[in-house]
Amino acid sequence: MKVRDVYEKNSGFVDKVFENDSIEKVIEVMAENKSTRTVFVIDKKMNLVGVITIREIFGQIFDKMKPKILKIFNKKKNLKARDVMKFGISVSLDDSLDDAFRAAIVSNLQDLPVCEKGKIAGELDCFELLDGLIAENKNYFKE
């Protein structure tokens, strides 16, 4: 089974920001859709350059969850998406689900960018990946 067989069954959209967008913009994009766990970072040519998960946001902005949170936020106000993104692994539509599963584990991502020629074609979320793996291995999961 290939990535193209299961991706975008759940969301059908991709949350993305430009590498020079502010952290505030990243947070706004994440907050717009309550199921967003990952934002893909793109360059001016729309090529994928990295990913930002909710973990990076929590780690950068909310790491000290104290009454001084606004002060911490103001100190880090000039952060850009490129400053907190991790260089992500992407999969293509023709990659196998096994390869996608390995990529998710290695990169510690719940949602994988699906790219064609470096550009985002969609997103493979963790639930689509699990559904595909179960469908592909029906006999294994029957017990």
Protein backbone atom coordinates (compact mmCIF):
# COMPACT_ATOMS: atom_id res chain seq x y z
CA MET A 1 0.00 0.00 0.00
CA LYS A 2 1.27 3.49 -0.85
CA VAL A 3 0.99 6.83 0.90
CA ARG A 4 -1.33 8.05 -1.88
CA ASP A 5 -3.86 5.39 -0.83
CA VAL A 6 -4.42 6.80 2.64
CA TYR A 7 -3.21 10.40 2.95
CA GLU A 8 -5.60 13.30 3.49
CA LYS A 9 -8.50 11.03 4.43
CA ASN A 10 -8.90 12.91 7.72
CA SER A 11 -7.99 16.56 7.24
CA GLY A 12 -7.76 17.29 3.53
CA PHE A 13 -5.72 20.44 4.22
CA VAL A 14 -2.18 21.40 5.14
CA ASP A 15 -1.18 24.03 7.66
CA LYS A 16 1.90 25.88 6.50
CA VAL A 17 3.88 29.01 7.24
CA PHE A 18 6.83 30.70 5.59
CA GLU A 19 10.25 30.32 7.21
CA ASN A 20 10.34 34.06 7.99
CA ASP A 21 6.91 34.13 9.64
CA SER A 22 6.88 35.06 13.31
CA ILE A 23 6.20 32.64 16.12
CA GLU A 24 2.96 34.53 16.68
CA LYS A 25 1.91 33.62 13.13
CA VAL A 26 2.81 29.95 13.73
CA ILE A 27 0.71 29.94 16.91
CA GLU A 28 -2.20 31.61 15.07
CA VAL A 29 -2.10 28.97 12.33
CA MET A 30 -2.02 26.17 14.91
CA ALA A 31 -4.86 27.72 16.89
CA GLU A 32 -7.12 28.17 13.84
CA ASN A 33 -7.67 24.44 13.54
CA LYS A 34 -7.93 22.64 16.85
CA SER A 35 -6.64 19.37 15.39
CA THR A 36 -3.37 20.87 14.13
CA ARG A 37 -0.32 19.28 15.71
CA THR A 38 2.19 20.11 12.98
CA VAL A 39 2.80 23.11 10.76
CA PHE A 40 4.96 22.75 7.66
CA VAL A 41 7.53 25.47 6.99
CA ILE A 42 8.07 26.49 3.37
CA ASP A 43 10.40 28.84 1.54
CA LYS A 44 9.46 31.51 -1.02
CA LYS A 45 9.42 28.88 -3.78
CA MET A 46 6.90 26.85 -1.73
CA ASN A 47 9.46 24.10 -1.03
CA LEU A 48 9.32 22.31 2.31
CA VAL A 49 12.20 23.37 4.55
CA GLY A 50 11.07 22.05 7.94
CA VAL A 51 8.29 21.30 10.38
CA ILE A 52 7.13 22.77 13.66
CA THR A 53 5.17 20.61 16.06
CA ILE A 54 3.24 21.68 19.09
CA ARG A 55 6.19 20.35 21.13
CA GLU A 56 8.52 22.97 19.65
CA ILE A 57 5.99 25.70 20.41
CA PHE A 58 5.59 24.53 24.00
CA GLY A 59 9.34 24.19 24.35
CA GLN A 60 10.09 27.67 23.03
CA ILE A 61 7.22 29.72 24.35
CA PHE A 62 5.64 27.99 27.30
CA ASP A 63 8.63 26.25 28.85
CA LYS A 64 8.40 28.15 32.11
CA MET A 65 4.60 28.23 32.66
CA LYS A 66 4.78 30.83 35.43
CA PRO A 67 2.98 34.12 36.00
CA LYS A 68 5.76 35.73 33.99
CA ILE A 69 4.58 34.04 30.79
CA LEU A 70 3.98 37.34 29.02
CA LYS A 71 7.47 38.49 29.87
CA ILE A 72 8.91 35.25 28.48
CA PHE A 73 6.78 35.64 25.37
CA ASN A 74 8.01 39.19 24.83
CA LYS A 75 11.66 38.09 25.15
CA LYS A 76 11.14 35.54 22.41
CA LYS A 77 8.89 37.74 20.30
CA ASN A 78 11.36 38.09 17.44
CA LEU A 79 11.62 34.36 16.86
CA LYS A 80 10.85 33.25 13.34
CA ALA A 81 9.50 29.92 12.13
CA ARG A 82 12.98 28.96 10.88
CA ASP A 83 14.36 29.45 14.42
CA VAL A 84 12.20 26.74 15.97
CA MET A 85 11.50 24.37 13.11
CA LYS A 86 13.08 21.00 12.86
CA PHE A 87 14.27 19.79 9.54
CA GLY A 88 11.67 17.24 8.73
CA ILE A 89 11.56 14.14 6.71
CA SER A 90 8.90 14.02 4.04
CA VAL A 91 7.36 11.19 2.09
CA SER A 92 6.12 11.07 -1.49
CA LEU A 93 2.83 9.76 -2.77
CA ASP A 94 4.58 6.65 -4.09
CA ASP A 95 6.41 5.76 -0.86
CA SER A 96 5.22 2.66 0.95
CA LEU A 97 3.36 2.92 4.25
CA ASP A 98 6.24 1.03 5.85
CA ASP A 99 8.63 3.77 4.73
CA ALA A 100 6.22 6.44 5.98
CA PHE A 101 5.92 4.68 9.33
CA ARG A 102 9.72 4.54 9.66
CA ALA A 103 9.99 8.22 8.70
CA ALA A 104 7.42 9.15 11.36
CA ILE A 105 9.31 7.22 14.03
CA VAL A 106 12.78 8.48 13.07
CA SER A 107 11.67 12.12 12.87
CA ASN A 108 9.36 11.85 15.91
CA LEU A 109 6.44 13.30 13.93
CA GLN A 110 2.75 12.51 14.24
CA ASP A 111 1.99 14.17 10.91
CA LEU A 112 4.23 13.77 7.88
CA PRO A 113 4.48 16.18 4.99
CA VAL A 114 3.73 14.52 1.66
CA CYS A 115 5.82 16.19 -1.05
CA GLU A 116 6.17 15.97 -4.78
CA LYS A 117 9.27 17.62 -6.27
CA GLY A 118 9.93 19.37 -2.95
CA LYS A 119 6.49 21.00 -2.78
CA ILE A 120 3.79 20.06 -0.30
CA ALA A 121 1.12 17.85 -1.83
CA GLY A 122 -0.61 17.08 1.45
CA GLU A 123 -0.27 15.60 4.89
CA LEU A 124 -0.25 12.04 6.18
CA ASP A 125 -1.48 12.13 9.74
CA CYS A 126 -0.82 9.45 12.33
CA PHE A 127 -4.38 8.10 12.22
CA GLU A 128 -4.33 7.70 8.43
CA LEU A 129 -1.01 5.90 8.76
CA LEU A 130 -2.38 3.55 11.42
CA ASP A 131 -5.53 2.87 9.39
CA GLY A 132 -3.42 2.04 6.36
CA LEU A 133 -1.10 -0.24 8.31
CA ILE A 134 -4.07 -2.08 9.83
CA ALA A 135 -5.74 -2.45 6.41
CA GLU A 136 -2.50 -3.71 4.93
CA ASN A 137 -1.94 -6.23 7.72
CA LYS A 138 -5.50 -7.40 8.44
CA ASN A 139 -4.44 -10.91 9.40
CA TYR A 140 -1.87 -9.68 11.89
CA PHE A 141 -4.45 -7.54 13.75
CA LYS A 142 -7.29 -10.12 13.77
CA GLU A 143 -6.38 -11.73 17.08
